[in-house]
PDB file of N, CA and C in Angstrom:
ATOM      1  N   MET A   1     124.212  90.327 145.728  1.00  0.00           N
ATOM      2  CA  MET A   1     124.456  90.342 147.111  1.00  0.00           C
ATOM      3  C   MET A   1     125.026  91.797 147.309  1.00  0.00           C
ATOM      4  N   TYR A   2     125.968  92.131 146.231  1.00  0.00           N
ATOM      5  CA  TYR A   2     126.537  93.600 146.398  1.00  0.00           C
ATOM      6  C   TYR A   2     125.429  94.575 146.607  1.00  0.00           C
ATOM      7  N   LEU A   3     124.498  94.663 145.769  1.00  0.00           N
ATOM      8  CA  LEU A   3     123.472  95.670 145.768  1.00  0.00           C
ATOM      9  C   LEU A   3     122.879  95.567 147.125  1.00  0.00           C
ATOM     10  N   CYS A   4     122.472  94.449 147.515  1.00  0.00           N
ATOM     11  CA  CYS A   4     121.833  94.184 148.848  1.00  0.00           C
ATOM     12  C   CYS A   4     122.564  94.776 150.119  1.00  0.00           C
ATOM     13  N   GLN A   5     123.884  94.576 150.001  1.00  0.00           N
ATOM     14  CA  GLN A   5     124.705  95.065 151.042  1.00  0.00           C
ATOM     15  C   GLN A   5     124.876  96.695 150.897  1.00  0.00           C
ATOM     16  N   ILE A   6     125.040  97.313 149.763  1.00  0.00           N
ATOM     17  CA  ILE A   6     125.408  98.714 149.669  1.00  0.00           C
ATOM     18  C   ILE A   6     123.948  99.485 150.003  1.00  0.00           C
ATOM     19  N   LEU A   7     122.974  98.975 149.262  1.00  0.00           N
ATOM     20  CA  LEU A   7     121.590  99.605 149.375  1.00  0.00           C
ATOM     21  C   LEU A   7     120.776  99.498 150.701  1.00  0.00           C
ATOM     22  N   SER A   8     121.119  98.377 151.209  1.00  0.00           N
ATOM     23  CA  SER A   8     120.263  98.248 152.445  1.00  0.00           C
ATOM     24  C   SER A   8     121.115  98.216 153.869  1.00  0.00           C
ATOM     25  N   ASP A   9     122.401  98.120 153.688  1.00  0.00           N
ATOM     26  CA  ASP A   9     123.340  98.260 154.795  1.00  0.00           C
ATOM     27  C   ASP A   9     123.144  96.934 155.629  1.00  0.00           C
ATOM     28  N   GLU A  10     122.522  95.854 154.927  1.00  0.00           N
ATOM     29  CA  GLU A  10     122.189  94.694 155.901  1.00  0.00           C
ATOM     30  C   GLU A  10     123.466  94.077 156.202  1.00  0.00           C
ATOM     31  N   LYS A  11     123.264  93.240 157.256  1.00  0.00           N
ATOM     32  CA  LYS A  11     124.558  92.521 157.817  1.00  0.00           C
ATOM     33  C   LYS A  11     124.854  91.369 156.901  1.00  0.00           C
ATOM     34  N   LEU A  12     126.091  90.919 156.730  1.00  0.00           N
ATOM     35  CA  LEU A  12     126.525  89.831 155.699  1.00  0.00           C
ATOM     36  C   LEU A  12     125.758  88.485 155.955  1.00  0.00           C
ATOM     37  N   ALA A  13     125.675  88.078 157.491  1.00  0.00           N
ATOM     38  CA  ALA A  13     124.900  86.923 157.817  1.00  0.00           C
ATOM     39  C   ALA A  13     123.459  86.894 157.203  1.00  0.00           C
ATOM     40  N   ASN A  14     122.879  87.990 157.347  1.00  0.00           N
ATOM     41  CA  ASN A  14     121.598  88.050 156.645  1.00  0.00           C
ATOM     42  C   ASN A  14     121.397  87.802 155.293  1.00  0.00           C
ATOM     43  N   ILE A  15     122.331  88.413 154.524  1.00  0.00           N
ATOM     44  CA  ILE A  15     122.477  88.305 153.096  1.00  0.00           C
ATOM     45  C   ILE A  15     122.871  86.857 152.786  1.00  0.00           C
ATOM     46  N   ALA A  16     123.741  86.257 153.420  1.00  0.00           N
ATOM     47  CA  ALA A  16     124.189  84.866 153.232  1.00  0.00           C
ATOM     48  C   ALA A  16     122.848  84.082 153.457  1.00  0.00           C
ATOM     49  N   GLU A  17     122.136  84.252 154.477  1.00  0.00           N
ATOM     50  CA  GLU A  17     120.908  83.352 154.834  1.00  0.00           C
ATOM     51  C   GLU A  17     119.934  83.488 153.669  1.00  0.00           C
ATOM     52  N   TYR A  18     119.637  84.720 153.107  1.00  0.00           N
ATOM     53  CA  TYR A  18     118.768  84.990 152.271  1.00  0.00           C
ATOM     54  C   TYR A  18     119.075  84.276 150.842  1.00  0.00           C
ATOM     55  N   PHE A  19     120.414  84.346 150.487  1.00  0.00           N
ATOM     56  CA  PHE A  19     120.883  83.600 149.363  1.00  0.00           C
ATOM     57  C   PHE A  19     121.011  82.191 149.528  1.00  0.00           C
ATOM     58  N   GLY A  20     120.711  81.606 150.754  1.00  0.00           N
ATOM     59  CA  GLY A  20     120.984  80.188 151.011  1.00  0.00           C
ATOM     60  C   GLY A  20     122.418  79.700 151.200  1.00  0.00           C
ATOM     61  N   LEU A  21     123.170  80.584 151.662  1.00  0.00           N
ATOM     62  CA  LEU A  21     124.708  80.244 151.736  1.00  0.00           C
ATOM     63  C   LEU A  21     124.911  80.065 153.175  1.00  0.00           C
ATOM     64  N   LYS A  22     125.716  79.127 153.515  1.00  0.00           N
ATOM     65  CA  LYS A  22     126.188  78.718 154.921  1.00  0.00           C
ATOM     66  C   LYS A  22     127.246  79.677 155.549  1.00  0.00           C
ATOM     67  N   SER A  23     128.022  80.270 154.401  1.00  0.00           N
ATOM     68  CA  SER A  23     129.151  81.058 155.004  1.00  0.00           C
ATOM     69  C   SER A  23     129.074  82.470 154.756  1.00  0.00           C
ATOM     70  N   VAL A  24     129.306  83.476 155.510  1.00  0.00           N
ATOM     71  CA  VAL A  24     129.348  84.752 155.284  1.00  0.00           C
ATOM     72  C   VAL A  24     130.473  85.154 154.469  1.00  0.00           C
ATOM     73  N   GLY A  25     131.650  84.283 154.498  1.00  0.00           N
ATOM     74  CA  GLY A  25     132.858  84.462 153.653  1.00  0.00           C
ATOM     75  C   GLY A  25     132.527  84.408 152.131  1.00  0.00           C
ATOM     76  N   SER A  26     131.462  83.729 151.649  1.00  0.00           N
ATOM     77  CA  SER A  26     131.164  83.571 150.434  1.00  0.00           C
ATOM     78  C   SER A  26     130.457  85.069 149.995  1.00  0.00           C
ATOM     79  N   VAL A  27     129.763  85.575 150.913  1.00  0.00           N
ATOM     80  CA  VAL A  27     128.923  86.848 150.553  1.00  0.00           C
ATOM     81  C   VAL A  27     130.094  87.895 150.517  1.00  0.00           C
ATOM     82  N   CYS A  28     131.029  87.898 151.506  1.00  0.00           N
ATOM     83  CA  CYS A  28     132.121  88.795 151.469  1.00  0.00           C
ATOM     84  C   CYS A  28     132.947  88.712 150.300  1.00  0.00           C
ATOM     85  N   SER A  29     133.395  87.654 149.764  1.00  0.00           N
ATOM     86  CA  SER A  29     134.115  87.376 148.542  1.00  0.00           C
ATOM     87  C   SER A  29     133.462  87.778 147.391  1.00  0.00           C
ATOM     88  N   ALA A  30     132.174  87.669 147.299  1.00  0.00           N
ATOM     89  CA  ALA A  30     131.411  88.146 146.146  1.00  0.00           C
ATOM     90  C   ALA A  30     131.234  89.672 146.088  1.00  0.00           C
ATOM     91  N   ILE A  31     131.011  90.295 147.250  1.00  0.00           N
ATOM     92  CA  ILE A  31     130.998  91.766 147.296  1.00  0.00           C
ATOM     93  C   ILE A  31     132.296  92.342 146.980  1.00  0.00           C
ATOM     94  N   SER A  32     133.338  91.678 147.475  1.00  0.00           N
ATOM     95  CA  SER A  32     134.786  92.235 147.223  1.00  0.00           C
ATOM     96  C   SER A  32     135.125  92.098 145.729  1.00  0.00           C
ATOM     97  N   GLU A  33     134.755  91.015 145.114  1.00  0.00           N
ATOM     98  CA  GLU A  33     134.959  90.943 143.647  1.00  0.00           C
ATOM     99  C   GLU A  33     134.080  92.016 142.930  1.00  0.00           C
ATOM    100  N   MET A  34     132.911  92.214 143.311  1.00  0.00           N
ATOM    101  CA  MET A  34     131.938  93.208 142.662  1.00  0.00           C
ATOM    102  C   MET A  34     132.680  94.702 142.844  1.00  0.00           C
ATOM    103  N   LYS A  35     133.292  94.905 143.955  1.00  0.00           N
ATOM    104  CA  LYS A  35     133.944  96.354 144.150  1.00  0.00           C
ATOM    105  C   LYS A  35     135.158  96.224 143.284  1.00  0.00           C
ATOM    106  N   LYS A  36     135.901  95.348 143.227  1.00  0.00           N
ATOM    107  CA  LYS A  36     137.013  95.482 142.188  1.00  0.00           C
ATOM    108  C   LYS A  36     136.739  95.722 140.840  1.00  0.00           C
ATOM    109  N   LEU A  37     135.532  94.987 140.418  1.00  0.00           N
ATOM    110  CA  LEU A  37     135.103  95.167 139.071  1.00  0.00           C
ATOM    111  C   LEU A  37     134.487  96.648 138.785  1.00  0.00           C
ATOM    112  N   GLU A  38     133.788  97.035 139.864  1.00  0.00           N
ATOM    113  CA  GLU A  38     133.423  98.478 139.835  1.00  0.00           C
ATOM    114  C   GLU A  38     134.484  99.449 139.642  1.00  0.00           C
ATOM    115  N   GLU A  39     135.418  99.314 140.357  1.00  0.00           N
ATOM    116  CA  GLU A  39     136.612 100.190 140.447  1.00  0.00           C
ATOM    117  C   GLU A  39     137.352 100.085 139.121  1.00  0.00           C
ATOM    118  N   LYS A  40     137.481  99.088 138.592  1.00  0.00           N
ATOM    119  CA  LYS A  40     138.108  98.964 137.217  1.00  0.00           C
ATOM    120  C   LYS A  40     137.343  99.398 135.984  1.00  0.00           C
ATOM    121  N   GLY A  41     136.023  99.630 136.286  1.00  0.00           N
ATOM    122  CA  GLY A  41     135.310 100.188 135.389  1.00  0.00           C
ATOM    123  C   GLY A  41     134.337  99.057 134.434  1.00  0.00           C
ATOM    124  N   GLU A  42     134.728  97.927 134.887  1.00  0.00           N
ATOM    125  CA  GLU A  42     134.114  96.802 134.203  1.00  0.00           C
ATOM    126  C   GLU A  42     132.715  96.700 134.352  1.00  0.00           C
ATOM    127  N   MET A  43     132.201  96.902 135.599  1.00  0.00           N
ATOM    128  CA  MET A  43     130.927  96.834 136.151  1.00  0.00           C
ATOM    129  C   MET A  43     130.184  98.152 136.360  1.00  0.00           C
ATOM    130  N   GLY A  44     131.038  99.285 136.385  1.00  0.00           N
ATOM    131  CA  GLY A  44     130.707 100.625 136.799  1.00  0.00           C
ATOM    132  C   GLY A  44     129.472 101.063 135.876  1.00  0.00           C
ATOM    133  N   LYS A  45     129.514 100.997 134.516  1.00  0.00           N
ATOM    134  CA  LYS A  45     128.573 101.322 133.686  1.00  0.00           C
ATOM    135  C   LYS A  45     127.213 100.582 133.908  1.00  0.00           C
ATOM    136  N   VAL A  46     127.230  99.212 134.179  1.00  0.00           N
ATOM    137  CA  VAL A  46     126.097  98.357 134.475  1.00  0.00           C
ATOM    138  C   VAL A  46     125.553  98.868 135.769  1.00  0.00           C
ATOM    139  N   LEU A  47     126.361  99.259 136.760  1.00  0.00           N
ATOM    140  CA  LEU A  47     125.820  99.458 138.149  1.00  0.00           C
ATOM    141  C   LEU A  47     125.194 100.874 137.958  1.00  0.00           C
ATOM    142  N   ASN A  48     125.725 101.787 137.196  1.00  0.00           N
ATOM    143  CA  ASN A  48     125.205 103.146 137.003  1.00  0.00           C
ATOM    144  C   ASN A  48     123.633 102.961 136.488  1.00  0.00           C
ATOM    145  N   GLN A  49     123.561 102.159 135.552  1.00  0.00           N
ATOM    146  CA  GLN A  49     122.297 102.128 134.812  1.00  0.00           C
ATOM    147  C   GLN A  49     121.312 101.564 135.835  1.00  0.00           C
ATOM    148  N   VAL A  50     121.765 100.423 136.620  1.00  0.00           N
ATOM    149  CA  VAL A  50     120.926 100.059 137.804  1.00  0.00           C
ATOM    150  C   VAL A  50     120.470 101.193 138.737  1.00  0.00           C
ATOM    151  N   TYR A  51     121.530 101.841 139.214  1.00  0.00           N
ATOM    152  CA  TYR A  51     121.236 102.908 139.895  1.00  0.00           C
ATOM    153  C   TYR A  51     120.154 103.956 139.447  1.00  0.00           C
ATOM    154  N   ARG A  52     120.446 104.175 138.142  1.00  0.00           N
ATOM    155  CA  ARG A  52     119.304 105.219 137.367  1.00  0.00           C
ATOM    156  C   ARG A  52     118.020 104.621 137.408  1.00  0.00           C
ATOM    157  N   ILE A  53     117.997 103.223 137.019  1.00  0.00           N
ATOM    158  CA  ILE A  53     116.577 102.642 136.871  1.00  0.00           C
ATOM    159  C   ILE A  53     115.836 102.758 138.413  1.00  0.00           C
ATOM    160  N   LEU A  54     116.707 102.562 139.353  1.00  0.00           N
ATOM    161  CA  LEU A  54     116.118 102.378 140.700  1.00  0.00           C
ATOM    162  C   LEU A  54     116.105 103.821 141.519  1.00  0.00           C
ATOM    163  N   ASN A  55     116.381 104.802 140.739  1.00  0.00           N
ATOM    164  CA  ASN A  55     116.563 106.249 141.066  1.00  0.00           C
ATOM    165  C   ASN A  55     117.218 106.434 142.445  1.00  0.00           C
ATOM    166  N   ILE A  56     118.518 105.829 142.390  1.00  0.00           N
ATOM    167  CA  ILE A  56     119.338 106.037 143.500  1.00  0.00           C
ATOM    168  C   ILE A  56     120.511 106.850 143.198  1.00  0.00           C
ATOM    169  N   LYS A  57     120.909 107.713 144.123  1.00  0.00           N
ATOM    170  CA  LYS A  57     122.043 108.542 143.854  1.00  0.00           C
ATOM    171  C   LYS A  57     123.122 108.168 144.704  1.00  0.00           C
ATOM    172  N   LYS A  58     124.236 107.742 143.950  1.00  0.00           N
ATOM    173  CA  LYS A  58     125.360 107.047 144.734  1.00  0.00           C
ATOM    174  C   LYS A  58     126.427 108.001 144.700  1.00  0.00           C
TER     175      LYS A  58
END
């Protein structure tokens, strides 16, 4: 969900629908948690690897 939002700039409602969620709040919570983990460095390395594989400059 996090990657969908940051890479496509898609609306949260569309992301929720794609993942079969009824609430935009669920998407917002998941994205918020990922941002926190990325800032702490816990997911930063993994996300950087994903960005490299997808050839995305962030």
